[in-house]
Amino acid sequence: MKITKNEGVIDRLIRIPVATVFFLLAFFWLSGVLQIIFYILAVVMLFTVITGFCALYKILKINTNKNPEKKVSKMTLSVFTILSVIILVLGSYASNFLTKKFFLEDYNNMNQYYKQTLFYTGQNKRPEALDNYNKLVSEYGVFLNKYIKYHPYVVSHDKQFNADLIKVSDIITSLKDKVNTGDLKSAHTDFEQVRPIFQDLLKRNGFSMLAISLVDFHDAMEKIISASDAKDGPQVITVYEEVDSKLKAVEEAANDTEIQAIRQKLDETLTLAKEGKVDLLSAKAAELKSAFVKVYLKRG
C-alpha cells in the first residue's frame, strides 16, 4: 500500500526534537500509564518523520507537503540534527539533576518535621512533640500519596521503594497514642526506626548529600556517647576510629565552622579518654551531641 506523504520537509524535521522531548519526559519525569503514552508518542513522532505521513493530518485534512519535490539541504538537516542532540544531552543532564532536586525538596519538607518530632520526643517535651508529629503525619501523607504512584527516574529502578514508604507510614501511624498520651522516650526509640529506612533508600538511589553522611555519623556517634556516659575510657578510644571515619565523610561534604565544632568536641572527647579523665567524658559527649544536633536540625 502506497503512503501519500502529507508532511513537508520542515514539518518532518521539527518532529525530531519534539520526539526527543517526548522521550526525555517519559524517561526521566513520568511513570505508569503516562510514561507509556509518551514513549508511544515519541515512537509515533519518529515514524511520521521517516514516512512523511501523519494519520492525524489525514483525519483533519491537513497537508504541509505543498512542494513534494523540495529536498532538504544538508545545512538544514545538520541544524536540526545538532539541535536534537543538544536537546537530548542537555535535557538528560537537566532532567537527572532536577528530578533529584525536586524529590529532595519534597523529602526535606517532610523530613524537617520528622527530625523535630524525633528531637522533642527525645527531650520529653510533649506539646512540641505533638505539634511536630501532627505536621509530620500531614506532610508524610502528601509525600506518600505522590511518590507511591509517581516514580521519577531517580527512584524508578528501586523495587523496594514503595515497600519502604509504606513501612515508614506504618511506623508513624502506630506512634499516635504514644505521642499523645504515652511514653515519649519509648516513642523516640520507635521513631529512630524511620531514619535507617530512609538512609538506605537514599543510598540505593545514588543520593550523595550531607544528610546521608550526618545520619551515618549519628549512628557511630551514639556509640562513643554511650561509652562516655558509662565512663568507659578504653571503649571511647576503641570506637573513636569508626566515629572519626564517619565524620570525615561529613567533612568531605561540608567543612564549615559548624562541622568543625563537631570535630573539636569529638577530638576533645578522645583526649579526655586518653588522659583518663573519665568523670568529664559524659559532659563532653553531651557537648558533642549538642554540636551535632545543631547541624542536623538545620541541614540534615
Protein backbone atom coordinates (compact mmCIF):
# COMPACT_ATOMS: atom_id res chain seq x y z
CA MET A 1 0.00 0.00 0.00
CA LYS A 2 1.45 3.32 -1.06
CA ILE A 3 1.55 6.05 1.58
CA THR A 4 0.84 9.56 0.39
CA LYS A 5 3.12 11.96 2.23
CA ASN A 6 1.30 14.85 3.88
CA GLU A 7 4.20 16.39 5.84
CA GLY A 8 6.54 18.99 4.44
CA VAL A 9 10.30 18.90 4.91
CA ILE A 10 10.44 21.44 7.77
CA ASP A 11 7.41 19.82 9.39
CA ARG A 12 9.22 16.48 9.45
CA LEU A 13 12.44 17.97 10.78
CA ILE A 14 10.64 19.79 13.60
CA ARG A 15 9.21 16.46 14.74
CA ILE A 16 12.71 15.12 15.55
CA PRO A 17 13.38 17.45 18.53
CA VAL A 18 9.72 17.11 19.55
CA ALA A 19 10.14 13.32 19.67
CA THR A 20 13.31 13.84 21.72
CA VAL A 21 11.39 15.94 24.25
CA PHE A 22 8.66 13.26 24.49
CA PHE A 23 11.35 10.64 25.13
CA LEU A 24 13.02 12.73 27.85
CA LEU A 25 9.69 13.32 29.58
CA ALA A 26 8.91 9.60 29.56
CA PHE A 27 12.38 8.51 30.64
CA PHE A 28 13.05 11.00 33.45
CA TRP A 29 9.81 12.59 34.59
CA LEU A 30 6.90 10.22 34.14
CA SER A 31 5.84 6.79 35.35
CA GLY A 32 2.96 4.38 34.90
CA VAL A 33 0.44 4.93 32.13
CA LEU A 34 1.64 8.45 31.31
CA GLN A 35 5.17 7.17 30.77
CA ILE A 36 3.94 4.54 28.31
CA ILE A 37 1.84 7.14 26.47
CA PHE A 38 4.81 9.47 25.99
CA TYR A 39 7.08 6.65 24.86
CA ILE A 40 4.44 5.78 22.25
CA LEU A 41 4.17 9.42 21.22
CA ALA A 42 7.95 9.58 20.74
CA VAL A 43 7.94 6.44 18.58
CA VAL A 44 4.93 7.63 16.54
CA MET A 45 6.55 11.01 16.03
CA LEU A 46 9.73 9.40 14.70
CA PHE A 47 7.66 7.09 12.48
CA THR A 48 5.97 10.10 10.89
CA VAL A 49 9.41 11.66 10.32
CA ILE A 50 10.55 8.55 8.45
CA THR A 51 7.40 8.05 6.40
CA GLY A 52 6.36 11.67 5.94
CA PHE A 53 2.79 10.62 6.72
CA CYS A 54 0.67 11.79 9.68
CA ALA A 55 -2.64 9.98 10.24
CA LEU A 56 -4.00 12.88 12.30
CA TYR A 57 -3.29 15.23 9.40
CA LYS A 58 -5.26 12.92 7.14
CA ILE A 59 -8.25 12.94 9.51
CA LEU A 60 -8.11 16.73 9.84
CA LYS A 61 -7.39 17.10 6.12
CA ILE A 62 -4.11 18.94 6.74
CA ASN A 63 -1.24 18.78 4.29
CA THR A 64 2.02 20.62 4.85
CA ASN A 65 3.70 18.89 1.91
CA LYS A 66 2.95 21.69 -0.54
CA ASN A 67 6.08 21.09 -2.56
CA PRO A 68 6.73 17.30 -2.82
CA GLU A 69 9.81 17.83 -4.98
CA LYS A 70 11.55 20.03 -2.45
CA LYS A 71 14.62 18.45 -0.88
CA VAL A 72 16.11 19.35 2.47
CA SER A 73 19.51 21.00 2.32
CA LYS A 74 22.46 19.46 4.13
CA MET A 75 22.75 22.65 6.19
CA THR A 76 19.13 22.45 7.36
CA LEU A 77 19.43 18.76 8.15
CA SER A 78 22.62 19.41 10.11
CA VAL A 79 21.00 22.19 12.13
CA PHE A 80 18.04 20.03 13.19
CA THR A 81 20.28 17.06 13.92
CA ILE A 82 22.56 19.15 16.12
CA LEU A 83 19.52 20.71 17.82
CA SER A 84 18.12 17.27 18.63
CA VAL A 85 21.45 16.07 20.03
CA ILE A 86 21.74 19.21 22.17
CA ILE A 87 18.22 18.71 23.50
CA LEU A 88 18.97 15.08 24.27
CA VAL A 89 22.28 15.74 26.04
CA LEU A 90 21.33 18.90 27.93
CA GLY A 91 17.83 17.61 28.57
CA SER A 92 19.19 14.39 30.07
CA TYR A 93 21.57 16.28 32.32
CA ALA A 94 18.98 18.83 33.42
CA SER A 95 16.26 16.21 33.93
CA ASN A 96 18.53 14.00 36.03
CA PHE A 97 19.55 16.99 38.16
CA LEU A 98 16.07 18.46 38.54
CA THR A 99 14.23 15.22 39.31
CA LYS A 100 16.72 14.61 42.13
CA LYS A 101 16.37 18.21 43.32
CA PHE A 102 12.57 18.14 43.37
CA PHE A 103 12.50 14.77 45.11
CA LEU A 104 14.90 16.01 47.79
CA GLU A 105 12.85 19.16 48.29
CA ASP A 106 9.73 17.08 48.89
CA TYR A 107 11.69 14.76 51.15
CA ASN A 108 13.14 17.63 53.18
CA ASN A 109 9.73 19.29 53.56
CA MET A 110 8.56 16.12 55.26
CA ASN A 111 11.82 15.23 56.99
CA GLN A 112 12.10 18.51 58.89
CA TYR A 113 9.01 17.55 60.91
CA TYR A 114 10.37 14.05 61.44
CA LYS A 115 13.62 15.46 62.84
CA GLN A 116 11.77 17.86 65.13
CA THR A 117 9.44 15.11 66.34
CA LEU A 118 12.43 12.85 66.99
CA PHE A 119 14.19 15.64 68.86
CA TYR A 120 11.27 16.65 71.07
CA THR A 121 10.27 13.09 71.94
CA GLY A 122 13.90 12.57 72.99
CA GLN A 123 13.68 15.74 75.12
CA ASN A 124 10.37 14.52 76.62
CA LYS A 125 8.59 17.72 75.55
CA ARG A 126 5.06 16.60 74.72
CA PRO A 127 3.46 19.83 73.38
CA GLU A 128 6.30 20.42 70.93
CA ALA A 129 6.49 16.73 70.03
CA LEU A 130 2.74 16.54 69.41
CA ASP A 131 2.71 19.69 67.29
CA ASN A 132 5.51 18.42 65.05
CA TYR A 133 4.08 14.91 64.95
CA ASN A 134 0.76 16.20 63.59
CA LYS A 135 2.65 18.18 60.93
CA LEU A 136 4.70 15.09 60.13
CA VAL A 137 1.58 12.98 59.64
CA SER A 138 0.19 15.60 57.25
CA GLU A 139 3.40 16.15 55.27
CA TYR A 140 4.25 12.47 55.07
CA GLY A 141 0.74 11.79 53.79
CA VAL A 142 1.38 14.23 50.94
CA PHE A 143 4.80 12.71 50.25
CA LEU A 144 3.44 9.15 50.32
CA ASN A 145 0.44 9.86 48.08
CA LYS A 146 2.70 11.48 45.48
CA TYR A 147 5.58 9.03 45.34
CA ILE A 148 3.72 5.77 45.90
CA LYS A 149 2.31 6.30 42.38
CA TYR A 150 4.88 8.58 40.76
CA HIS A 151 8.42 7.28 40.36
CA PRO A 152 10.75 9.83 38.71
CA TYR A 153 13.88 8.46 37.08
CA VAL A 154 15.97 8.91 40.20
CA VAL A 155 13.99 6.18 42.03
CA SER A 156 12.41 4.41 39.07
CA HIS A 157 14.58 1.28 39.34
CA ASP A 158 14.20 0.84 43.09
CA LYS A 159 12.00 -2.23 43.56
CA GLN A 160 11.96 -1.72 47.33
CA PHE A 161 10.89 1.93 47.15
CA ASN A 162 7.14 1.53 47.69
CA ALA A 163 7.61 -1.07 50.41
CA ASP A 164 9.87 1.31 52.33
CA LEU A 165 7.39 4.18 52.00
CA ILE A 166 4.63 2.00 53.40
CA LYS A 167 6.87 0.72 56.21
CA VAL A 168 7.63 4.29 57.30
CA SER A 169 3.94 5.17 57.11
CA ASP A 170 3.07 2.25 59.38
CA ILE A 171 5.68 3.31 61.94
CA ILE A 172 4.50 6.92 62.01
CA THR A 173 0.84 5.95 62.26
CA SER A 174 1.44 3.42 65.02
CA LEU A 175 3.02 6.03 67.30
CA LYS A 176 -0.03 8.31 67.55
CA ASP A 177 -1.07 7.15 71.03
CA LYS A 178 2.46 7.25 72.43
CA VAL A 179 2.97 10.82 71.26
CA ASN A 180 -0.43 11.95 72.51
CA THR A 181 -0.52 10.33 75.94
CA GLY A 182 2.12 7.59 76.16
CA ASP A 183 5.80 7.24 76.93
CA LEU A 184 7.70 9.80 74.84
CA LYS A 185 11.06 8.14 75.45
CA SER A 186 9.66 4.91 74.04
CA ALA A 187 8.18 6.85 71.12
CA HIS A 188 11.61 8.38 70.48
CA THR A 189 13.17 4.92 70.27
CA ASP A 190 10.47 3.78 67.85
CA PHE A 191 10.86 6.90 65.72
CA GLU A 192 14.56 6.06 65.36
CA GLN A 193 13.50 3.14 63.15
CA VAL A 194 12.49 5.57 60.38
CA ARG A 195 15.95 7.04 59.93
CA PRO A 196 17.82 3.93 58.70
CA ILE A 197 14.98 3.11 56.29
CA PHE A 198 15.30 6.44 54.51
CA GLN A 199 19.07 6.35 54.86
CA ASP A 200 19.18 3.07 52.93
CA LEU A 201 16.61 4.31 50.39
CA LEU A 202 18.64 7.41 49.60
CA LYS A 203 21.88 5.47 49.33
CA ARG A 204 20.34 2.87 47.00
CA ASN A 205 19.23 5.60 44.64
CA GLY A 206 22.56 7.37 44.38
CA PHE A 207 21.97 10.42 46.55
CA SER A 208 25.26 11.87 47.75
CA MET A 209 24.43 14.60 50.18
CA LEU A 210 25.36 15.93 53.57
CA ALA A 211 22.25 14.49 55.21
CA ILE A 212 23.27 10.91 54.47
CA SER A 213 26.73 11.47 55.91
CA LEU A 214 25.25 13.09 59.00
CA VAL A 215 22.94 10.16 59.57
CA ASP A 216 25.84 7.72 59.20
CA PHE A 217 27.86 9.76 61.68
CA HIS A 218 24.98 9.91 64.15
CA ASP A 219 24.79 6.13 64.44
CA ALA A 220 28.52 5.89 65.16
CA MET A 221 28.45 8.91 67.45
CA GLU A 222 25.88 7.25 69.72
CA LYS A 223 28.44 4.53 70.47
CA ILE A 224 31.02 6.99 71.75
CA ILE A 225 28.35 8.85 73.73
CA SER A 226 27.22 5.60 75.39
CA ALA A 227 30.83 4.75 76.26
CA SER A 228 31.35 8.26 77.65
CA ASP A 229 28.20 8.10 79.78
CA ALA A 230 29.47 4.78 81.13
CA LYS A 231 32.84 6.42 81.92
CA ASP A 232 34.50 3.73 79.82
CA GLY A 233 37.65 5.40 78.54
CA PRO A 234 39.09 2.37 76.72
CA GLN A 235 35.80 1.85 74.87
CA VAL A 236 35.77 5.52 73.82
CA ILE A 237 39.23 5.03 72.34
CA THR A 238 38.15 1.81 70.63
CA VAL A 239 35.07 3.24 68.89
CA TYR A 240 36.75 6.55 68.04
CA GLU A 241 38.21 5.16 64.80
CA GLU A 242 34.74 4.34 63.44
CA VAL A 243 33.28 7.68 64.54
CA ASP A 244 36.26 9.52 63.06
CA SER A 245 35.83 7.84 59.67
CA LYS A 246 32.13 8.75 59.61
CA LEU A 247 32.90 12.36 60.48
CA LYS A 248 35.47 12.53 57.69
CA ALA A 249 32.68 11.66 55.24
CA VAL A 250 30.68 14.60 56.63
CA GLU A 251 33.71 16.88 56.29
CA GLU A 252 34.08 15.87 52.64
CA ALA A 253 30.54 17.09 52.01
CA ALA A 254 30.92 20.27 54.07
CA ASN A 255 33.51 21.57 56.49
CA ASP A 256 32.40 24.95 57.77
CA THR A 257 32.60 26.22 61.35
CA GLU A 258 29.57 24.19 62.49
CA ILE A 259 31.09 20.95 61.22
CA GLN A 260 34.44 21.94 62.71
CA ALA A 261 32.72 22.35 66.10
CA ILE A 262 31.65 18.69 65.91
CA ARG A 263 35.22 17.69 65.10
CA GLN A 264 36.54 19.72 68.03
CA LYS A 265 34.15 18.12 70.53
CA LEU A 266 34.86 14.64 69.20
CA ASP A 267 38.63 15.07 69.46
CA GLU A 268 38.30 16.59 72.93
CA THR A 269 36.33 13.52 74.00
CA LEU A 270 39.13 11.28 72.75
CA THR A 271 41.74 13.37 74.58
CA LEU A 272 39.86 13.07 77.89
CA ALA A 273 39.63 9.31 77.42
CA LYS A 274 43.36 9.01 76.72
CA GLU A 275 44.19 11.16 79.75
CA GLY A 276 41.96 9.02 81.96
CA LYS A 277 39.63 11.90 82.86
CA VAL A 278 36.57 9.66 82.72
CA ASP A 279 34.46 11.85 85.03
CA LEU A 280 34.48 14.57 82.36
CA LEU A 281 33.54 12.28 79.47
CA SER A 282 29.76 12.43 79.84
CA ALA A 283 29.63 16.25 79.83
CA LYS A 284 31.96 16.42 76.83
CA ALA A 285 29.90 13.81 74.98
CA ALA A 286 26.81 15.94 75.64
CA GLU A 287 28.60 18.89 74.03
CA LEU A 288 29.43 16.67 71.06
CA LYS A 289 25.80 15.68 70.64
CA SER A 290 24.65 19.28 71.01
CA ALA A 291 27.04 20.37 68.24
CA PHE A 292 25.75 17.57 66.03
CA VAL A 293 22.07 18.32 66.69
CA LYS A 294 22.63 21.98 65.80
CA VAL A 295 23.87 20.95 62.34
CA TYR A 296 21.41 18.09 61.82
CA LEU A 297 18.29 20.09 62.61
CA LYS A 298 19.32 22.82 60.17
CA ARG A 299 20.88 20.83 57.34
CA GLY A 300 20.34 17.12 57.83
